[in-house]
Amino acid sequence: METTADEVRDTFLVTPQAKGVYLSWENNPKRIAHGVVSTMRDHVTKEIYNCTLDTFEWVKENHAHPLEGIKKKDIAHIDLASNWEPDFAFVHLFHLLMEDLGRPPLWSEFDKFAYETDVGLKMFGSERLERQKRIYELELKRLRAEHPTWKGLEHKANALAKGSLDWRVGLAYYGFMREMYTAVALRERGLDVRVHPLADANFRADAWIGQSILSVFVINPKYKVEDQQHAEKFQKGRKKAVEELFPGNLFDFVELTMESAQEYGKFHFPTEASIGEVEGFLRAGSQRT
């Protein structure tokens, strides 16, 4: 069982909007030079289809919280972190590592890959460390202006620089894990749900089956109720929503919504009831002609 990039292209390159977004990515000179385009065009998703919900139980048991003691209020002003779109999208990296490991990666495994291996540093780690340095310099300048008599400002600026980027990557990691858990849970119910990093990063499809596209998102209280469906999409890069890429009746759009997590530092996965509800919608959509 596998899903190739060509299958993703055949499925989703069906509207002018989708073609525009995709071709902009595929023809980006910087991403071409960095190897992003060729790497992801060759990517084949396999290993998630061999995972079970027991896989995620193991991950939970061996999990180390990526956000540690970071407080959002302390780093919310750091736009260089919150607006960061690296050449290799976070979901690209998580998928690549998943194929190497045979399962979704632990945060510690991603951390080691990104900053302690030559491949990870070339793809992502060096870019992140360069940005961390820039944020450190700006934060140190800000802290010196606001608190000229304080001691240890260098340490504080470094913690803010590192923490803000860990927050950015960590939220993407938690989102990726929710999506993989959802796909596996639905597959265990007999649905041929597919995932691929190109579908996620380029076409905003967290998962799909046939002509039904699934979006998984957490309700964000700072948005109005009628805008909840956009909340996490804004957090995930503020790109076009999936409905904007595929107007008309080509696809059905199914949403799995979740309340905000109540426990800090733990995975926040959909309930069995919400999985069952989405299963019903997807089965109904698969029956349409």
C-alpha atoms as a PDB file:
ATOM      1  CA  MET A   1       0.000   0.000   0.000  1.00  0.00           C
ATOM      2  CA  GLU A   2       1.487   3.347  -1.015  1.00  0.00           C
ATOM      3  CA  THR A   3       0.645   6.842  -2.230  1.00  0.00           C
ATOM      4  CA  THR A   4       2.925   8.608  -4.697  1.00  0.00           C
ATOM      5  CA  ALA A   5       3.316  12.281  -5.492  1.00  0.00           C
ATOM      6  CA  ASP A   6       2.007  11.618  -9.000  1.00  0.00           C
ATOM      7  CA  GLU A   7      -1.206  10.204  -7.524  1.00  0.00           C
ATOM      8  CA  VAL A   8      -1.555  13.402  -5.484  1.00  0.00           C
ATOM      9  CA  ARG A   9      -1.045  15.533  -8.568  1.00  0.00           C
ATOM     10  CA  ASP A  10      -3.582  13.530 -10.561  1.00  0.00           C
ATOM     11  CA  THR A  11      -6.121  13.858  -7.753  1.00  0.00           C
ATOM     12  CA  PHE A  12      -5.757  17.542  -6.927  1.00  0.00           C
ATOM     13  CA  LEU A  13      -4.450  19.384  -9.996  1.00  0.00           C
ATOM     14  CA  VAL A  14      -8.001  19.816 -11.255  1.00  0.00           C
ATOM     15  CA  THR A  15      -8.788  23.518 -10.787  1.00  0.00           C
ATOM     16  CA  PRO A  16      -7.022  26.718 -11.859  1.00  0.00           C
ATOM     17  CA  GLN A  17      -6.689  27.703  -8.192  1.00  0.00           C
ATOM     18  CA  ALA A  18      -4.970  24.456  -7.216  1.00  0.00           C
ATOM     19  CA  LYS A  19      -2.722  24.552 -10.284  1.00  0.00           C
ATOM     20  CA  GLY A  20      -1.700  28.123  -9.481  1.00  0.00           C
ATOM     21  CA  VAL A  21      -0.684  27.307  -5.930  1.00  0.00           C
ATOM     22  CA  TYR A  22       1.100  24.118  -6.891  1.00  0.00           C
ATOM     23  CA  LEU A  23       3.021  25.523  -9.863  1.00  0.00           C
ATOM     24  CA  SER A  24       4.138  28.488  -7.768  1.00  0.00           C
ATOM     25  CA  TRP A  25       5.697  25.997  -5.360  1.00  0.00           C
ATOM     26  CA  GLU A  26       7.122  23.677  -8.022  1.00  0.00           C
ATOM     27  CA  ASN A  27       8.745  26.536  -9.965  1.00  0.00           C
ATOM     28  CA  ASN A  28      10.185  28.360  -6.951  1.00  0.00           C
ATOM     29  CA  PRO A  29      13.923  28.770  -7.725  1.00  0.00           C
ATOM     30  CA  LYS A  30      14.969  28.729  -4.070  1.00  0.00           C
ATOM     31  CA  ARG A  31      13.101  25.513  -3.312  1.00  0.00           C
ATOM     32  CA  ILE A  32      14.402  23.917  -6.498  1.00  0.00           C
ATOM     33  CA  ALA A  33      17.992  24.789  -5.580  1.00  0.00           C
ATOM     34  CA  HIS A  34      17.506  23.541  -2.021  1.00  0.00           C
ATOM     35  CA  GLY A  35      16.246  20.187  -3.281  1.00  0.00           C
ATOM     36  CA  VAL A  36      12.758  20.523  -1.834  1.00  0.00           C
ATOM     37  CA  VAL A  37      10.876  20.094  -5.097  1.00  0.00           C
ATOM     38  CA  SER A  38      12.771  17.047  -6.340  1.00  0.00           C
ATOM     39  CA  THR A  39      12.711  15.382  -2.915  1.00  0.00           C
ATOM     40  CA  MET A  40       8.985  15.769  -2.427  1.00  0.00           C
ATOM     41  CA  ARG A  41       8.141  14.938  -6.033  1.00  0.00           C
ATOM     42  CA  ASP A  42       9.873  11.591  -5.434  1.00  0.00           C
ATOM     43  CA  HIS A  43       8.307  10.982  -2.024  1.00  0.00           C
ATOM     44  CA  VAL A  44       6.186   7.866  -1.532  1.00  0.00           C
ATOM     45  CA  THR A  45       3.984   7.465   1.535  1.00  0.00           C
ATOM     46  CA  LYS A  46       4.007   3.874   2.811  1.00  0.00           C
ATOM     47  CA  GLU A  47       4.713   3.439   6.495  1.00  0.00           C
ATOM     48  CA  ILE A  48       1.649   5.149   7.957  1.00  0.00           C
ATOM     49  CA  TYR A  49      -0.472   2.502   6.233  1.00  0.00           C
ATOM     50  CA  ASN A  50       1.275  -0.147   8.324  1.00  0.00           C
ATOM     51  CA  CYS A  51       0.626   1.655  11.617  1.00  0.00           C
ATOM     52  CA  THR A  52      -2.171   0.955  14.073  1.00  0.00           C
ATOM     53  CA  LEU A  53      -3.608   2.859  16.996  1.00  0.00           C
ATOM     54  CA  ASP A  54      -1.237   0.828  19.173  1.00  0.00           C
ATOM     55  CA  THR A  55       1.580   2.640  17.382  1.00  0.00           C
ATOM     56  CA  PHE A  56       0.310   5.910  18.804  1.00  0.00           C
ATOM     57  CA  GLU A  57       0.019   4.407  22.275  1.00  0.00           C
ATOM     58  CA  TRP A  58       3.713   3.577  22.058  1.00  0.00           C
ATOM     59  CA  VAL A  59       4.515   7.097  20.852  1.00  0.00           C
ATOM     60  CA  LYS A  60       2.551   8.590  23.751  1.00  0.00           C
ATOM     61  CA  GLU A  61       4.400   6.428  26.254  1.00  0.00           C
ATOM     62  CA  ASN A  62       7.789   7.539  24.901  1.00  0.00           C
ATOM     63  CA  HIS A  63       6.896  11.158  24.211  1.00  0.00           C
ATOM     64  CA  ALA A  64       8.830  14.195  25.446  1.00  0.00           C
ATOM     65  CA  HIS A  65       6.953  17.517  25.304  1.00  0.00           C
ATOM     66  CA  PRO A  66       8.502  19.818  22.652  1.00  0.00           C
ATOM     67  CA  LEU A  67       7.175  23.072  24.125  1.00  0.00           C
ATOM     68  CA  GLU A  68       8.461  22.437  27.658  1.00  0.00           C
ATOM     69  CA  GLY A  69       7.933  25.557  29.782  1.00  0.00           C
ATOM     70  CA  ILE A  70       7.386  28.033  26.954  1.00  0.00           C
ATOM     71  CA  LYS A  71       4.571  30.502  27.539  1.00  0.00           C
ATOM     72  CA  LYS A  72       2.807  31.776  24.436  1.00  0.00           C
ATOM     73  CA  LYS A  73       2.389  35.271  25.855  1.00  0.00           C
ATOM     74  CA  ASP A  74       6.175  35.622  26.071  1.00  0.00           C
ATOM     75  CA  ILE A  75       6.819  34.795  22.419  1.00  0.00           C
ATOM     76  CA  ALA A  76       3.593  35.903  20.668  1.00  0.00           C
ATOM     77  CA  HIS A  77       5.244  39.130  19.441  1.00  0.00           C
ATOM     78  CA  ILE A  78       8.064  37.333  17.597  1.00  0.00           C
ATOM     79  CA  ASP A  79       6.875  37.427  14.001  1.00  0.00           C
ATOM     80  CA  LEU A  80      10.087  35.892  12.667  1.00  0.00           C
ATOM     81  CA  ALA A  81       9.013  32.702  14.406  1.00  0.00           C
ATOM     82  CA  SER A  82       5.235  32.720  13.988  1.00  0.00           C
ATOM     83  CA  ASN A  83       5.447  33.652  10.286  1.00  0.00           C
ATOM     84  CA  TRP A  84       8.306  31.306   9.445  1.00  0.00           C
ATOM     85  CA  GLU A  85       7.778  29.159   6.351  1.00  0.00           C
ATOM     86  CA  PRO A  86      10.965  27.100   5.879  1.00  0.00           C
ATOM     87  CA  ASP A  87      11.943  25.770   2.467  1.00  0.00           C
ATOM     88  CA  PHE A  88      11.172  22.224   3.619  1.00  0.00           C
ATOM     89  CA  ALA A  89       7.730  22.508   5.193  1.00  0.00           C
ATOM     90  CA  PHE A  90       7.439  20.967   8.640  1.00  0.00           C
ATOM     91  CA  VAL A  91       5.050  18.323   7.327  1.00  0.00           C
ATOM     92  CA  HIS A  92       7.595  17.401   4.646  1.00  0.00           C
ATOM     93  CA  LEU A  93      10.183  16.650   7.309  1.00  0.00           C
ATOM     94  CA  PHE A  94       7.832  14.684   9.544  1.00  0.00           C
ATOM     95  CA  HIS A  95       6.751  12.524   6.606  1.00  0.00           C
ATOM     96  CA  LEU A  96      10.317  11.925   5.434  1.00  0.00           C
ATOM     97  CA  LEU A  97      11.388  10.869   8.904  1.00  0.00           C
ATOM     98  CA  MET A  98       8.310   8.670   9.289  1.00  0.00           C
ATOM     99  CA  GLU A  99       9.306   6.685   6.212  1.00  0.00           C
ATOM    100  CA  ASP A 100      12.788   6.144   7.671  1.00  0.00           C
ATOM    101  CA  LEU A 101      11.502   5.074  11.089  1.00  0.00           C
ATOM    102  CA  GLY A 102       8.486   3.050  10.001  1.00  0.00           C
ATOM    103  CA  ARG A 103       6.145   5.102  12.216  1.00  0.00           C
ATOM    104  CA  PRO A 104       5.491   8.729  13.164  1.00  0.00           C
ATOM    105  CA  PRO A 105       8.600  10.168  14.837  1.00  0.00           C
ATOM    106  CA  LEU A 106       9.017  11.025  18.473  1.00  0.00           C
ATOM    107  CA  TRP A 107       9.830  14.680  19.050  1.00  0.00           C
ATOM    108  CA  SER A 108      13.275  13.671  20.328  1.00  0.00           C
ATOM    109  CA  GLU A 109      13.905  11.780  17.084  1.00  0.00           C
ATOM    110  CA  PHE A 110      12.924  14.786  14.999  1.00  0.00           C
ATOM    111  CA  ASP A 111      15.136  17.014  17.162  1.00  0.00           C
ATOM    112  CA  LYS A 112      18.119  14.726  16.640  1.00  0.00           C
ATOM    113  CA  PHE A 113      17.493  14.421  12.905  1.00  0.00           C
ATOM    114  CA  ALA A 114      17.094  18.172  12.343  1.00  0.00           C
ATOM    115  CA  TYR A 115      20.112  19.390  14.305  1.00  0.00           C
ATOM    116  CA  GLU A 116      22.518  16.456  14.669  1.00  0.00           C
ATOM    117  CA  THR A 117      22.613  14.860  11.218  1.00  0.00           C
ATOM    118  CA  ASP A 118      24.149  16.218   8.031  1.00  0.00           C
ATOM    119  CA  VAL A 119      20.959  15.555   6.065  1.00  0.00           C
ATOM    120  CA  GLY A 120      18.734  17.225   8.658  1.00  0.00           C
ATOM    121  CA  LEU A 121      20.992  20.257   8.977  1.00  0.00           C
ATOM    122  CA  LYS A 122      21.066  20.708   5.210  1.00  0.00           C
ATOM    123  CA  MET A 123      17.307  20.354   4.856  1.00  0.00           C
ATOM    124  CA  PHE A 124      16.214  22.339   7.858  1.00  0.00           C
ATOM    125  CA  GLY A 125      18.499  22.694  10.865  1.00  0.00           C
ATOM    126  CA  SER A 126      20.892  25.276   9.466  1.00  0.00           C
ATOM    127  CA  GLU A 127      18.008  27.441   8.263  1.00  0.00           C
ATOM    128  CA  ARG A 128      16.429  27.266  11.713  1.00  0.00           C
ATOM    129  CA  LEU A 129      19.700  28.124  13.501  1.00  0.00           C
ATOM    130  CA  GLU A 130      20.234  31.138  11.241  1.00  0.00           C
ATOM    131  CA  ARG A 131      16.729  32.388  12.062  1.00  0.00           C
ATOM    132  CA  GLN A 132      17.288  31.753  15.750  1.00  0.00           C
ATOM    133  CA  LYS A 133      20.378  33.968  15.614  1.00  0.00           C
ATOM    134  CA  ARG A 134      18.408  36.784  13.961  1.00  0.00           C
ATOM    135  CA  ILE A 135      15.647  36.551  16.562  1.00  0.00           C
ATOM    136  CA  TYR A 136      18.212  36.530  19.373  1.00  0.00           C
ATOM    137  CA  GLU A 137      19.792  39.751  18.085  1.00  0.00           C
ATOM    138  CA  LEU A 138      16.430  41.494  17.786  1.00  0.00           C
ATOM    139  CA  GLU A 139      15.231  40.301  21.184  1.00  0.00           C
ATOM    140  CA  LEU A 140      18.462  41.338  22.879  1.00  0.00           C
ATOM    141  CA  LYS A 141      18.153  44.809  21.351  1.00  0.00           C
ATOM    142  CA  ARG A 142      14.525  45.044  22.512  1.00  0.00           C
ATOM    143  CA  LEU A 143      15.281  43.850  26.039  1.00  0.00           C
ATOM    144  CA  ARG A 144      18.200  46.261  26.421  1.00  0.00           C
ATOM    145  CA  ALA A 145      15.966  49.142  25.379  1.00  0.00           C
ATOM    146  CA  GLU A 146      13.096  48.120  27.680  1.00  0.00           C
ATOM    147  CA  HIS A 147      15.113  46.895  30.670  1.00  0.00           C
ATOM    148  CA  PRO A 148      18.542  48.565  30.595  1.00  0.00           C
ATOM    149  CA  THR A 149      19.322  47.690  34.224  1.00  0.00           C
ATOM    150  CA  TRP A 150      18.399  44.012  34.081  1.00  0.00           C
ATOM    151  CA  LYS A 151      21.073  41.332  34.218  1.00  0.00           C
ATOM    152  CA  GLY A 152      21.133  38.163  32.172  1.00  0.00           C
ATOM    153  CA  LEU A 153      19.508  39.695  29.114  1.00  0.00           C
ATOM    154  CA  GLU A 154      21.601  37.559  26.770  1.00  0.00           C
ATOM    155  CA  HIS A 155      20.272  34.417  28.414  1.00  0.00           C
ATOM    156  CA  LYS A 156      16.700  35.737  28.235  1.00  0.00           C
ATOM    157  CA  ALA A 157      17.041  36.703  24.562  1.00  0.00           C
ATOM    158  CA  ASN A 158      18.459  33.288  23.702  1.00  0.00           C
ATOM    159  CA  ALA A 159      15.614  31.519  25.547  1.00  0.00           C
ATOM    160  CA  LEU A 160      13.025  33.598  23.677  1.00  0.00           C
ATOM    161  CA  ALA A 161      14.670  32.943  20.309  1.00  0.00           C
ATOM    162  CA  LYS A 162      14.887  29.203  20.851  1.00  0.00           C
ATOM    163  CA  GLY A 163      11.504  28.958  22.544  1.00  0.00           C
ATOM    164  CA  SER A 164       9.616  30.862  19.858  1.00  0.00           C
ATOM    165  CA  LEU A 165      10.934  28.560  17.130  1.00  0.00           C
ATOM    166  CA  ASP A 166      10.340  25.447  19.221  1.00  0.00           C
ATOM    167  CA  TRP A 167       6.748  26.646  19.641  1.00  0.00           C
ATOM    168  CA  ARG A 168       6.339  27.093  15.884  1.00  0.00           C
ATOM    169  CA  VAL A 169       7.740  23.673  15.040  1.00  0.00           C
ATOM    170  CA  GLY A 170       6.138  21.987  18.043  1.00  0.00           C
ATOM    171  CA  LEU A 171       2.624  23.081  17.110  1.00  0.00           C
ATOM    172  CA  ALA A 172       3.183  21.762  13.597  1.00  0.00           C
ATOM    173  CA  TYR A 173       4.362  18.461  15.084  1.00  0.00           C
ATOM    174  CA  TYR A 174       1.261  18.123  17.244  1.00  0.00           C
ATOM    175  CA  GLY A 175      -0.922  18.930  14.233  1.00  0.00           C
ATOM    176  CA  PHE A 176       0.850  16.306  12.131  1.00  0.00           C
ATOM    177  CA  MET A 177       0.368  13.693  14.844  1.00  0.00           C
ATOM    178  CA  ARG A 178      -3.372  14.482  15.075  1.00  0.00           C
ATOM    179  CA  GLU A 179      -3.730  14.039  11.334  1.00  0.00           C
ATOM    180  CA  MET A 180      -1.811  10.753  11.269  1.00  0.00           C
ATOM    181  CA  TYR A 181      -3.796   9.418  14.226  1.00  0.00           C
ATOM    182  CA  THR A 182      -7.054  10.332  12.502  1.00  0.00           C
ATOM    183  CA  ALA A 183      -6.029   8.661   9.248  1.00  0.00           C
ATOM    184  CA  VAL A 184      -5.008   5.466  11.039  1.00  0.00           C
ATOM    185  CA  ALA A 185      -8.183   5.426  13.159  1.00  0.00           C
ATOM    186  CA  LEU A 186     -10.329   5.720  10.040  1.00  0.00           C
ATOM    187  CA  ARG A 187      -8.326   3.092   8.192  1.00  0.00           C
ATOM    188  CA  GLU A 188      -8.855   0.710  11.105  1.00  0.00           C
ATOM    189  CA  ARG A 189     -12.580   1.243  10.495  1.00  0.00           C
ATOM    190  CA  GLY A 190     -12.160   0.002   6.916  1.00  0.00           C
ATOM    191  CA  LEU A 191     -11.845   3.303   5.037  1.00  0.00           C
ATOM    192  CA  ASP A 192      -9.070   3.654   2.455  1.00  0.00           C
ATOM    193  CA  VAL A 193      -7.973   7.063   3.754  1.00  0.00           C
ATOM    194  CA  ARG A 194      -4.824   8.457   2.117  1.00  0.00           C
ATOM    195  CA  VAL A 195      -2.197  10.976   3.199  1.00  0.00           C
ATOM    196  CA  HIS A 196       0.826  12.551   1.527  1.00  0.00           C
ATOM    197  CA  PRO A 197       2.932  15.622   2.354  1.00  0.00           C
ATOM    198  CA  LEU A 198       2.253  17.235  -1.030  1.00  0.00           C
ATOM    199  CA  ALA A 199      -1.477  16.933  -0.446  1.00  0.00           C
ATOM    200  CA  ASP A 200      -1.128  18.565   2.963  1.00  0.00           C
ATOM    201  CA  ALA A 201       1.397  21.304   2.217  1.00  0.00           C
ATOM    202  CA  ASN A 202       0.241  22.218  -1.288  1.00  0.00           C
ATOM    203  CA  PHE A 203      -3.456  21.406  -1.421  1.00  0.00           C
ATOM    204  CA  ARG A 204      -4.443  21.769   2.264  1.00  0.00           C
ATOM    205  CA  ALA A 205      -5.769  18.197   2.359  1.00  0.00           C
ATOM    206  CA  ASP A 206      -4.988  16.634   5.731  1.00  0.00           C
ATOM    207  CA  ALA A 207      -6.325  13.334   4.359  1.00  0.00           C
ATOM    208  CA  TRP A 208      -8.679  12.187   1.646  1.00  0.00           C
ATOM    209  CA  ILE A 209     -10.655   9.251   0.332  1.00  0.00           C
ATOM    210  CA  GLY A 210     -12.012   9.305  -3.196  1.00  0.00           C
ATOM    211  CA  GLN A 211     -13.527  12.745  -3.755  1.00  0.00           C
ATOM    212  CA  SER A 212     -13.820  13.584  -0.058  1.00  0.00           C
ATOM    213  CA  ILE A 213     -11.183  15.810   1.565  1.00  0.00           C
ATOM    214  CA  LEU A 214     -10.771  15.672   5.336  1.00  0.00           C
ATOM    215  CA  SER A 215      -9.631  18.602   7.468  1.00  0.00           C
ATOM    216  CA  VAL A 216      -8.662  18.138  11.131  1.00  0.00           C
ATOM    217  CA  PHE A 217      -8.542  21.229  13.317  1.00  0.00           C
ATOM    218  CA  VAL A 218      -8.754  22.419  16.892  1.00  0.00           C
ATOM    219  CA  ILE A 219     -11.251  25.116  17.838  1.00  0.00           C
ATOM    220  CA  ASN A 220      -9.475  28.353  18.662  1.00  0.00           C
ATOM    221  CA  PRO A 221     -11.402  30.616  21.065  1.00  0.00           C
ATOM    222  CA  LYS A 222     -10.040  33.829  19.558  1.00  0.00           C
ATOM    223  CA  TYR A 223     -12.089  33.320  16.397  1.00  0.00           C
ATOM    224  CA  LYS A 224     -15.833  33.771  16.051  1.00  0.00           C
ATOM    225  CA  VAL A 225     -17.854  30.568  15.946  1.00  0.00           C
ATOM    226  CA  GLU A 226     -18.599  30.932  12.244  1.00  0.00           C
ATOM    227  CA  ASP A 227     -14.864  31.289  11.548  1.00  0.00           C
ATOM    228  CA  GLN A 228     -13.738  28.271  13.554  1.00  0.00           C
ATOM    229  CA  GLN A 229     -13.102  26.185  10.479  1.00  0.00           C
ATOM    230  CA  HIS A 230     -10.335  28.605   9.538  1.00  0.00           C
ATOM    231  CA  ALA A 231      -8.640  28.878  12.924  1.00  0.00           C
ATOM    232  CA  GLU A 232      -6.012  26.191  12.626  1.00  0.00           C
ATOM    233  CA  LYS A 233      -5.553  26.762   8.927  1.00  0.00           C
ATOM    234  CA  PHE A 234      -4.372  30.274   9.756  1.00  0.00           C
ATOM    235  CA  GLN A 235      -1.999  28.839  12.332  1.00  0.00           C
ATOM    236  CA  LYS A 236      -0.658  26.376   9.759  1.00  0.00           C
ATOM    237  CA  GLY A 237       0.764  28.998   7.461  1.00  0.00           C
ATOM    238  CA  ARG A 238      -2.178  31.260   6.651  1.00  0.00           C
ATOM    239  CA  LYS A 239      -2.432  29.822   3.149  1.00  0.00           C
ATOM    240  CA  LYS A 240      -5.581  29.408   1.095  1.00  0.00           C
ATOM    241  CA  ALA A 241      -8.172  27.184   2.703  1.00  0.00           C
ATOM    242  CA  VAL A 242      -8.908  23.929   0.937  1.00  0.00           C
ATOM    243  CA  GLU A 243     -12.396  25.090  -0.117  1.00  0.00           C
ATOM    244  CA  GLU A 244     -10.835  28.049  -1.944  1.00  0.00           C
ATOM    245  CA  LEU A 245      -8.596  25.751  -3.952  1.00  0.00           C
ATOM    246  CA  PHE A 246     -11.449  23.512  -5.075  1.00  0.00           C
ATOM    247  CA  PRO A 247     -14.597  25.558  -5.737  1.00  0.00           C
ATOM    248  CA  GLY A 248     -17.648  23.899  -7.203  1.00  0.00           C
ATOM    249  CA  ASN A 249     -18.721  20.330  -6.639  1.00  0.00           C
ATOM    250  CA  LEU A 250     -15.559  18.396  -7.441  1.00  0.00           C
ATOM    251  CA  PHE A 251     -14.966  17.426  -3.812  1.00  0.00           C
ATOM    252  CA  ASP A 252     -16.872  16.964  -0.591  1.00  0.00           C
ATOM    253  CA  PHE A 253     -15.294  18.681   2.411  1.00  0.00           C
ATOM    254  CA  VAL A 254     -15.445  16.875   5.729  1.00  0.00           C
ATOM    255  CA  GLU A 255     -14.223  18.494   8.941  1.00  0.00           C
ATOM    256  CA  LEU A 256     -13.199  16.882  12.201  1.00  0.00           C
ATOM    257  CA  THR A 257     -13.279  19.560  14.858  1.00  0.00           C
ATOM    258  CA  MET A 258     -11.804  19.265  18.337  1.00  0.00           C
ATOM    259  CA  GLU A 259     -11.963  21.338  21.481  1.00  0.00           C
ATOM    260  CA  SER A 260      -8.725  22.883  22.716  1.00  0.00           C
ATOM    261  CA  ALA A 261      -6.453  20.593  24.692  1.00  0.00           C
ATOM    262  CA  GLN A 262      -6.997  20.591  28.452  1.00  0.00           C
ATOM    263  CA  GLU A 263      -3.649  19.036  29.412  1.00  0.00           C
ATOM    264  CA  TYR A 264      -0.450  20.870  28.537  1.00  0.00           C
ATOM    265  CA  GLY A 265       2.330  18.771  27.053  1.00  0.00           C
ATOM    266  CA  LYS A 266       0.260  15.781  25.967  1.00  0.00           C
ATOM    267  CA  PHE A 267      -1.010  14.651  22.590  1.00  0.00           C
ATOM    268  CA  HIS A 268      -4.521  15.805  21.812  1.00  0.00           C
ATOM    269  CA  PHE A 269      -6.170  13.183  19.608  1.00  0.00           C
ATOM    270  CA  PRO A 270      -9.784  12.960  18.377  1.00  0.00           C
ATOM    271  CA  THR A 271     -12.284  11.008  20.461  1.00  0.00           C
ATOM    272  CA  GLU A 272     -13.772   7.743  19.258  1.00  0.00           C
ATOM    273  CA  ALA A 273     -17.118   9.526  18.909  1.00  0.00           C
ATOM    274  CA  SER A 274     -15.698  12.214  16.626  1.00  0.00           C
ATOM    275  CA  ILE A 275     -13.914   9.587  14.534  1.00  0.00           C
ATOM    276  CA  GLY A 276     -17.208   7.719  14.196  1.00  0.00           C
ATOM    277  CA  GLU A 277     -19.050  10.853  13.110  1.00  0.00           C
ATOM    278  CA  VAL A 278     -16.460  11.613  10.441  1.00  0.00           C
ATOM    279  CA  GLU A 279     -16.558   7.993   9.296  1.00  0.00           C
ATOM    280  CA  GLY A 280     -20.258   8.408   8.580  1.00  0.00           C
ATOM    281  CA  PHE A 281     -19.716  11.538   6.505  1.00  0.00           C
ATOM    282  CA  LEU A 282     -16.909   9.935   4.522  1.00  0.00           C
ATOM    283  CA  ARG A 283     -18.919   6.802   3.797  1.00  0.00           C
ATOM    284  CA  ALA A 284     -21.837   8.920   2.623  1.00  0.00           C
ATOM    285  CA  GLY A 285     -19.537  10.921   0.359  1.00  0.00           C
ATOM    286  CA  SER A 286     -18.027   7.779  -1.166  1.00  0.00           C
ATOM    287  CA  GLN A 287     -21.495   6.759  -2.335  1.00  0.00           C
ATOM    288  CA  ARG A 288     -22.148   9.850  -4.391  1.00  0.00           C
ATOM    289  CA  THR A 289     -21.860   9.620  -8.142  1.00  0.00           C
END
